Protein backbone atom coordinates (compact mmCIF):
# COMPACT_ATOMS: atom_id res chain seq x y z
CA MET A 1 -24.64 -16.80 32.22
CA LEU A 2 -22.04 -18.95 30.28
CA THR A 3 -22.38 -22.68 30.51
CA ASN A 4 -20.40 -24.61 33.41
CA GLN A 5 -17.36 -25.15 30.96
CA PHE A 6 -16.49 -21.45 31.38
CA ILE A 7 -14.32 -20.59 34.40
CA PHE A 8 -15.07 -16.93 34.37
CA GLN A 9 -18.51 -15.34 33.64
CA PRO A 10 -18.99 -12.39 31.54
CA GLU A 11 -20.69 -9.24 32.80
CA ARG A 12 -23.40 -9.10 30.38
CA ILE A 13 -24.56 -10.76 26.96
CA ILE A 14 -25.44 -8.50 24.48
CA LYS A 15 -27.28 -8.89 21.10
CA ILE A 16 -26.09 -5.90 18.54
CA GLY A 17 -28.19 -6.62 14.96
CA ASP A 18 -28.02 -10.49 14.59
CA VAL A 19 -25.10 -11.27 16.76
CA VAL A 20 -24.67 -12.13 20.43
CA TYR A 21 -22.02 -11.08 22.67
CA ALA A 22 -20.27 -12.12 25.73
CA VAL A 23 -19.08 -9.05 27.54
CA PHE A 24 -16.15 -8.83 29.55
CA PHE A 25 -14.45 -6.04 31.31
CA ASP A 26 -10.47 -5.21 30.85
CA THR A 27 -9.48 -2.73 33.92
CA ASP A 28 -6.65 -0.97 32.87
CA GLU A 29 -5.67 1.82 35.60
CA GLU A 30 -5.69 4.53 32.83
CA LEU A 31 -8.45 3.75 30.79
CA GLY A 32 -10.63 2.05 33.64
CA ASP A 33 -12.85 -0.81 32.64
CA PHE A 34 -13.53 -1.06 28.79
CA PRO A 35 -15.46 -3.88 27.00
CA ILE A 36 -13.92 -6.87 25.31
CA LEU A 37 -16.50 -8.68 23.28
CA ALA A 38 -16.26 -12.64 22.53
CA LYS A 39 -19.10 -13.47 19.65
CA VAL A 40 -21.20 -16.43 20.78
CA ASP A 41 -20.95 -18.88 18.07
CA SER A 42 -23.06 -21.17 19.55
CA MET A 43 -26.21 -20.71 21.64
CA SER A 44 -25.78 -24.27 23.56
CA PHE A 45 -23.04 -21.81 25.34
CA ILE A 46 -25.47 -19.74 27.10
CA GLN A 47 -27.49 -21.02 30.05
CA PRO A 48 -31.02 -20.90 30.05
CA GLY A 49 -33.00 -17.82 31.11
CA THR A 50 -30.16 -15.69 30.55
CA ASN A 51 -31.11 -12.41 29.82
CA ILE A 52 -29.80 -11.08 26.44
CA GLU A 53 -30.06 -7.12 26.26
CA GLU A 54 -30.52 -5.31 22.87
CA PHE A 55 -28.38 -3.08 21.92
CA ASP A 56 -27.44 -0.69 18.96
CA GLU A 57 -23.96 1.04 17.97
CA GLN A 58 -25.28 4.25 19.97
CA LYS A 59 -26.96 2.42 23.09
CA PHE A 60 -23.25 0.52 23.22
CA ALA A 61 -21.57 3.86 23.03
CA ALA A 62 -23.67 5.42 25.77
CA THR A 63 -23.22 2.78 28.25
CA PHE A 64 -19.88 1.81 27.77
CA GLY A 65 -18.05 5.03 26.82
CA TYR A 66 -16.49 2.98 24.03
CA VAL A 67 -17.03 3.09 19.96
CA PHE A 68 -18.39 -0.20 18.85
CA ARG A 69 -16.20 -1.69 15.85
CA GLY A 70 -17.65 -5.14 15.30
CA HIS A 71 -15.36 -7.59 17.67
CA GLU A 72 -15.97 -10.58 16.04
CA ASP A 73 -12.19 -11.96 16.17
CA LEU A 74 -13.00 -13.25 19.61
CA LEU A 75 -15.03 -16.61 19.91
CA VAL A 76 -16.47 -17.51 22.89
CA SER A 77 -15.42 -21.28 22.08
CA GLU A 78 -11.93 -19.84 21.80
CA ILE A 79 -11.66 -18.79 25.65
CA GLN A 80 -10.02 -20.84 27.65
CA THR A 81 -11.63 -23.31 29.65
CA GLY A 82 -10.37 -25.97 32.65
CA ALA A 83 -9.59 -25.50 36.56
CA GLU A 84 -6.94 -22.83 35.71
CA GLN A 85 -7.96 -19.24 36.36
CA GLN A 86 -7.36 -16.92 32.86
CA ASP A 87 -6.58 -13.30 33.19
CA TYR A 88 -8.85 -11.40 31.74
CA ARG A 89 -6.07 -9.24 29.98
CA SER A 90 -5.63 -12.61 27.61
CA ILE A 91 -8.88 -12.18 26.32
CA MET A 92 -7.53 -8.65 24.65
CA ASP A 93 -4.41 -11.01 23.82
CA VAL A 94 -5.91 -12.79 21.17
CA GLN A 95 -5.56 -10.21 18.68
CA GLU A 96 -2.25 -9.43 19.96
CA ASN A 97 -1.45 -13.28 19.01
CA LEU A 98 -2.93 -12.53 15.40
CA LEU A 99 -0.45 -10.84 14.56
CA ALA A 100 2.12 -12.25 16.30
CA THR A 101 1.57 -15.46 14.30
CA ARG A 102 1.41 -12.98 10.83
CA ALA A 103 4.76 -11.55 11.85
CA GLU A 104 6.35 -15.19 11.96
CA GLU A 105 5.77 -15.42 8.18
CA ASN A 106 9.11 -15.26 6.46
CA GLY A 107 9.90 -11.26 5.89
CA MET A 108 6.77 -9.91 8.14
CA GLN A 109 9.11 -10.30 11.45
CA TRP A 110 9.19 -6.44 11.46
CA LEU A 111 5.34 -6.34 12.46
CA LEU A 112 6.66 -7.81 16.18
CA ASP A 113 6.88 -4.37 18.73
CA ASN A 114 4.90 -4.47 22.07
CA ASP A 115 5.11 -1.02 22.74
CA VAL A 116 3.27 -0.15 19.35
CA GLN A 117 0.88 -3.40 19.21
CA ALA A 118 -0.30 -2.18 22.18
CA ALA A 119 -1.10 1.18 21.17
CA PHE A 120 -2.92 0.32 18.07
CA LEU A 121 -4.85 -2.39 19.92
CA ALA A 122 -6.19 0.27 22.55
CA ALA A 123 -7.05 2.49 19.34
CA THR A 124 -9.20 -0.43 17.89
CA LEU A 125 -10.95 -0.92 21.40
CA THR A 126 -11.98 2.91 21.95
CA GLY A 127 -12.21 4.01 18.65
CA THR A 128 -9.79 6.53 19.40
CA PRO A 129 -7.49 7.08 16.30
CA ILE A 130 -3.72 6.86 16.33
CA SER A 131 -1.53 8.17 13.86
CA THR A 132 1.83 7.03 13.31
CA ASP A 133 3.67 10.44 13.71
CA ASP A 134 2.52 9.49 17.45
CA LEU A 135 4.97 6.95 17.55
CA ALA A 136 7.76 8.64 15.48
CA ASP A 137 10.44 8.35 19.03
CA THR A 138 9.83 4.73 19.01
CA ALA A 139 12.75 2.19 17.31
CA TRP A 140 9.78 0.77 15.42
CA TYR A 141 8.95 3.65 13.72
CA GLN A 142 12.65 4.71 13.08
CA ASN A 143 13.65 1.05 11.66
CA THR A 144 10.46 0.94 9.25
CA SER A 145 9.43 2.41 6.09
CA GLU A 146 6.61 4.85 5.76
CA GLU A 147 5.01 2.12 3.19
CA GLN A 148 5.58 -0.27 6.11
CA ARG A 149 3.85 2.08 8.52
CA ASN A 150 1.14 2.55 6.65
CA TYR A 151 0.32 -1.06 6.25
CA MET A 152 0.17 -1.24 10.20
CA VAL A 153 -2.28 1.48 10.13
CA ARG A 154 -4.51 0.07 7.26
CA TYR A 155 -4.21 -3.51 9.23
CA TYR A 156 -5.35 -2.74 12.58
CA ALA A 157 -8.10 -0.09 10.37
CA ASP A 158 -9.57 -3.37 8.43
CA PRO A 159 -7.83 -6.14 8.81
CA ASN A 160 -10.40 -7.94 6.40
CA ALA A 161 -9.39 -5.79 3.88
CA VAL A 162 -5.85 -6.36 4.07
CA ASN A 163 -6.27 -10.32 4.59
CA GLU A 164 -7.75 -10.11 0.77
CA GLU A 165 -5.13 -7.81 -0.61
CA ILE A 166 -2.89 -10.65 0.54
CA SER A 167 -5.05 -13.35 -1.04
CA GLN A 168 -5.74 -11.58 -4.14
CA ASN A 169 -1.41 -11.13 -4.12
CA VAL A 170 -1.00 -14.41 -3.56
CA ILE A 171 -2.86 -15.37 -6.28
CA SER A 172 -1.99 -13.35 -8.68
CA ILE A 173 1.82 -14.15 -8.18
CA ARG A 174 1.31 -17.99 -8.00
CA GLU A 175 -0.37 -17.62 -11.59
CA SER A 176 2.78 -15.75 -12.77
CA MET A 177 4.83 -18.23 -11.79
CA LEU A 178 2.78 -21.04 -13.01
CA ALA A 179 2.35 -19.54 -16.43
CA ARG A 180 6.28 -19.88 -16.62
CA ASP A 181 6.14 -23.54 -15.78
CA MET A 182 8.25 -23.04 -12.36
CA LYS A 183 8.80 -26.09 -10.41
CA GLY A 184 9.02 -26.16 -7.02
CA PRO A 185 7.51 -24.77 -3.64
CA VAL A 186 5.68 -21.92 -5.57
CA ASN A 187 3.08 -21.51 -3.26
CA GLU A 188 5.47 -20.69 -0.62
CA LEU A 189 7.16 -18.25 -2.66
CA ALA A 190 4.11 -16.66 -3.70
CA LYS A 191 3.05 -15.88 0.41
CA VAL A 192 6.39 -14.36 0.26
CA LEU A 193 6.05 -11.98 -2.31
CA ALA A 194 2.56 -10.96 -1.62
CA TYR A 195 3.38 -10.47 1.67
CA GLY A 196 6.18 -8.19 0.70
CA LEU A 197 4.30 -6.53 -1.89
CA THR A 198 1.19 -5.82 0.16
CA THR A 199 3.10 -3.98 3.37
CA ARG A 200 4.96 -2.19 0.81
CA ILE A 201 8.31 -3.56 1.78
CA PHE A 202 8.44 -4.84 -2.37
CA LYS A 203 7.48 -1.52 -4.01
CA THR A 204 5.97 -2.72 -7.26
CA LYS A 205 4.72 -5.68 -9.21
CA GLU A 206 7.86 -4.95 -11.19
CA GLU A 207 10.23 -5.55 -8.49
CA VAL A 208 8.62 -8.73 -7.73
CA ASP A 209 8.84 -10.04 -11.57
CA MET A 210 12.52 -9.37 -10.62
CA TYR A 211 13.05 -11.61 -7.56
CA ILE A 212 11.28 -14.21 -9.49
CA ASP A 213 13.63 -13.73 -12.16
CA PHE A 214 16.88 -14.15 -10.02
CA ILE A 215 15.02 -17.16 -8.03
CA ASP A 216 13.86 -19.10 -10.94
CA ASP A 217 17.24 -18.54 -13.27
CA SER A 218 20.37 -18.60 -10.61
CA THR A 219 22.36 -18.52 -14.20
CA TYR A 220 21.08 -15.36 -14.27
CA LEU A 221 21.38 -14.17 -10.21
CA ASP A 222 25.45 -14.88 -10.48
CA LEU A 223 25.71 -13.04 -13.63
CA LEU A 224 24.62 -10.25 -11.62
CA GLY A 225 26.04 -10.44 -8.46
CA GLY A 226 24.38 -13.64 -6.44
CA GLU A 227 22.17 -13.96 -3.21
CA ASP A 228 22.91 -10.30 -2.19
CA LEU A 229 20.49 -9.34 -4.20
CA LEU A 230 17.70 -10.86 -3.02
CA PRO A 231 16.16 -9.62 0.59
CA GLU A 232 16.92 -12.20 3.28
CA SER A 233 13.46 -13.46 3.48
CA LEU A 234 13.74 -14.85 -0.17
CA ARG A 235 17.71 -16.19 -0.44
CA GLY A 236 16.33 -19.06 1.00
CA PHE A 237 14.26 -20.16 -1.89
CA VAL A 238 17.55 -20.38 -3.98
CA GLY A 239 18.18 -24.02 -5.62
CA GLN A 240 14.74 -24.94 -4.61
CA PHE A 241 13.52 -24.85 -8.11
CA THR A 242 14.51 -27.57 -10.53
CA GLY A 243 15.81 -25.01 -13.10
CA VAL A 244 13.33 -25.85 -16.00
CA ASN A 245 13.79 -22.19 -16.99
CA GLU A 246 17.75 -21.78 -16.23
CA GLY A 247 19.14 -19.56 -18.83
CA GLN A 248 15.79 -17.61 -20.11
CA ALA A 249 15.97 -14.45 -17.55
CA THR A 250 19.49 -13.92 -18.72
CA THR A 251 19.21 -15.02 -22.54
CA ALA A 252 16.55 -11.89 -22.27
CA ASN A 253 18.88 -9.56 -20.55
CA LEU A 254 21.43 -10.26 -23.07
CA ILE A 255 19.14 -9.63 -26.19
CA VAL A 256 17.69 -6.55 -24.54
CA ASN A 257 20.94 -5.31 -24.04
CA LYS A 258 22.42 -6.01 -27.07
CA LEU A 259 19.45 -5.27 -29.48
CA GLY A 260 16.60 -3.87 -27.12
CA ALA A 261 13.35 -5.04 -26.24
CA GLU A 262 11.63 -5.57 -29.24
CA ALA A 263 14.01 -7.86 -30.99
CA LEU A 264 13.07 -9.64 -27.73
CA GLU A 265 9.67 -9.98 -28.32
CA SER A 266 10.52 -10.82 -31.88
CA TYR A 267 12.89 -13.82 -30.93
CA LYS A 268 10.29 -15.07 -28.39
CA THR A 269 7.71 -15.06 -31.63
CA SER A 270 10.02 -17.01 -33.89
CA GLY A 271 10.67 -19.90 -31.50
CA GLU A 272 14.91 -18.66 -31.62
CA PHE A 273 14.35 -17.59 -28.11
CA ILE A 274 14.06 -20.90 -26.25
CA LYS A 275 17.03 -22.35 -28.31
CA MET A 276 19.05 -19.29 -27.17
CA ALA A 277 17.79 -19.79 -23.79
CA ALA A 278 19.48 -23.53 -24.04
CA GLN A 279 22.74 -22.89 -24.91
CA VAL A 280 22.93 -20.14 -21.96
CA LYS A 281 21.51 -23.18 -19.89
CA ALA A 282 23.99 -25.61 -21.63
CA GLY A 283 26.90 -23.23 -20.23
CA ASN A 284 27.52 -21.12 -23.87
CA LYS A 285 26.44 -17.66 -22.41
CA ALA A 286 29.44 -16.12 -24.18
CA GLY A 287 28.68 -17.60 -27.48
CA VAL A 288 25.14 -16.59 -27.67
CA GLU A 289 26.26 -12.97 -26.56
CA GLU A 290 28.84 -13.23 -29.22
CA GLN A 291 26.11 -13.88 -31.50
CA LEU A 292 23.87 -10.94 -30.76
CA GLN A 293 27.07 -8.83 -30.98
CA LYS A 294 27.24 -9.68 -34.43
CA ILE A 295 24.02 -9.22 -35.32
CA HIS A 296 24.10 -5.81 -33.36
CA ASP A 297 26.92 -4.38 -35.51
CA THR A 298 25.51 -5.87 -38.93
CA LEU A 299 21.91 -4.02 -38.23
CA TYR A 300 23.83 -0.70 -36.40
CA PRO A 301 27.48 -1.01 -37.67
CA GLY A 302 27.71 2.97 -36.77
CA PHE A 303 27.56 1.51 -33.33
CA ALA A 304 29.86 -1.42 -33.65
CA GLY A 305 31.14 -3.15 -30.78
CA SER A 306 28.66 -1.30 -28.68
CA SER A 307 25.38 -2.53 -27.21
CA PHE A 308 22.06 -1.16 -28.13
CA SER A 309 21.00 -0.06 -24.52
CA THR A 310 24.06 1.94 -24.24
CA TRP A 311 23.60 4.12 -27.32
CA ASN A 312 19.99 3.91 -28.26
CA PRO A 313 18.10 6.00 -25.42
CA TYR A 314 20.21 8.73 -26.12
CA TYR A 315 18.80 9.25 -29.75
CA THR A 316 15.46 7.83 -28.66
CA ASN A 317 15.15 10.90 -26.40
CA ARG A 318 16.71 13.35 -28.98
CA ALA A 319 13.99 12.71 -31.63
CA SER A 320 11.02 12.51 -28.96
CA ARG A 321 11.97 16.19 -28.03
CA ILE A 322 12.32 17.12 -31.56
CA ILE A 323 8.82 15.38 -32.45
CA ASN A 324 7.23 16.76 -29.12
CA GLY A 325 8.71 19.61 -29.18
CA THR A 326 9.66 19.70 -25.50
CA THR A 327 13.17 20.88 -23.88
CA GLY A 328 15.96 20.28 -21.14
CA GLY A 329 14.46 16.71 -19.03
CA GLN A 330 10.76 16.58 -20.63
CA ILE A 331 10.72 13.38 -22.31
CA VAL A 332 7.62 11.89 -24.07
CA PRO A 333 8.03 8.47 -24.27
CA LEU A 334 7.49 6.88 -28.09
CA ASN A 335 4.90 4.59 -29.23
CA ASN A 336 5.85 1.47 -30.47
CA GLU A 337 5.32 2.58 -33.84
CA GLN A 338 7.53 5.60 -33.32
CA GLN A 339 10.09 3.54 -31.56
CA GLU A 340 10.80 1.11 -34.38
CA GLN A 341 10.62 3.93 -36.92
CA VAL A 342 13.57 5.98 -34.65
CA ASN A 343 15.45 2.85 -34.74
CA GLN A 344 15.48 2.44 -38.37
CA LEU A 345 16.26 6.35 -38.53
CA ILE A 346 19.33 5.87 -36.29
CA ALA A 347 20.57 3.23 -38.42
CA LYS A 348 20.07 5.10 -41.40
CA ALA A 349 22.03 8.25 -40.00
CA ASN A 350 24.91 6.03 -39.12
CA GLY A 351 25.31 7.72 -35.84
CA ASP A 352 25.82 11.43 -37.07
CA TYR A 353 23.84 13.77 -34.99
CA GLN A 354 23.12 16.39 -37.64
CA ALA A 355 22.29 13.87 -40.31
CA PHE A 356 19.69 12.02 -37.50
CA ASP A 357 17.82 15.32 -36.63
CA ALA A 358 17.36 16.35 -40.25
CA LEU A 359 15.94 12.74 -41.02
CA VAL A 360 13.74 12.93 -37.71
CA ARG A 361 12.04 16.26 -38.91
CA SER A 362 11.57 15.00 -42.30
CA THR A 363 9.53 12.09 -41.12
CA TYR A 364 7.60 14.02 -38.78
CA LYS A 365 7.30 17.44 -40.42
CA ASP A 366 3.42 17.18 -39.38
CA SER A 367 4.36 16.60 -35.49
CA PRO A 368 4.09 19.53 -33.34
CA GLY A 369 7.49 20.19 -32.13
CA VAL A 370 8.68 20.60 -35.57
CA LYS A 371 5.79 23.13 -36.62
CA ASN A 372 6.51 24.77 -33.59
CA SER A 373 10.00 25.17 -34.11
CA PHE A 374 9.30 25.96 -38.57
CA LEU A 375 7.16 28.77 -37.05
CA SER A 376 9.78 29.71 -34.55
CA ASP A 377 12.52 29.74 -36.94
CA LEU A 378 10.25 31.85 -39.20
CA THR A 379 9.29 34.44 -37.00
CA LYS A 380 13.17 35.12 -36.38
CA ALA A 381 14.05 34.83 -40.59
CA ILE A 382 11.46 38.03 -40.94
CA PRO A 383 12.60 41.29 -40.35
CA GLN A 384 10.92 43.35 -37.35
CA THR A 385 9.75 46.09 -39.40
CA ILE A 386 8.15 43.89 -41.91
CA SER A 387 6.86 41.28 -39.06
CA GLY A 388 4.82 44.50 -37.17
CA VAL A 389 2.88 45.22 -40.74
CA PHE A 390 1.10 41.33 -39.76
CA GLY A 391 0.69 42.33 -35.58
């Protein structure tokens, strides 16, 4: 059926839609004969006069007892040729090898587990879904996160979709690094980060951005605790970048800590941020921190010697409860305009809680929280006998 360059021959040649397949049987004691399909990527591989049977998905299932799932990963041209006999099971191994290749990527070694791979492969071939709960007793299940297990299910259900997601993540992360003018193995780092994000080893884009900060600015990494903060798959990238952004992540962290996120944006807009980062890069981190502390103490004399990040969240949450009328742990984030105004009220109150609350109520007298509080206080102030008249 196939030309003589192939050692073993398929059981039959079938055509589904516009695709021609060579059908091989893989024999299993439990499953019996189930079909392995190799896409005929060139009609020159088929001997003249070979009967090509027309199939559709329903006829395939009725004939072979298994759901048709495309099966275009294995090509006839990939089947081993030559004088040595090849075991049929090695055809199925092609899909396993694809996963093994992926597992060799930095940070993806957790994908390797023979028992789990076999279970998922059988599910792919037979069309019988498998739940990760069916694998709860395996070492793989017990040593992976729920996000990683869900990735394995997604990969076997639709590997093309997962590969597309990885590709998009690589592009996005690489563009982010190029935008900050990182100099070094950008593509390699982007690939590792993209795999981690797609497989949910890294849970959010913000976590990925944090690791980029660490790798791009070793001063910042050392400040916070060193390479131990990085996953093992990323530690090899430390020191591989030229340090053109050295000091920037450290400086940004200092500004946000001492003066808040709004101040950071202001410094970047004015161009002062780059100047400060240059001082940090030159080894004058203590001087920059002292400079920011003086600015903080001038703006917020009631909190002199402290940091914006230490006291501001308390006052911000207090203002939010007054403005929105929430209680307990319910906190509605302030918008940028509200946050800027509340910061001014904090400074005006000079740290006095009662004065601050009064200023917030006065400034936001038309807000839902202040109105409802006023009506509640008014109701309590009216004697019950009088309020009954209005009932």
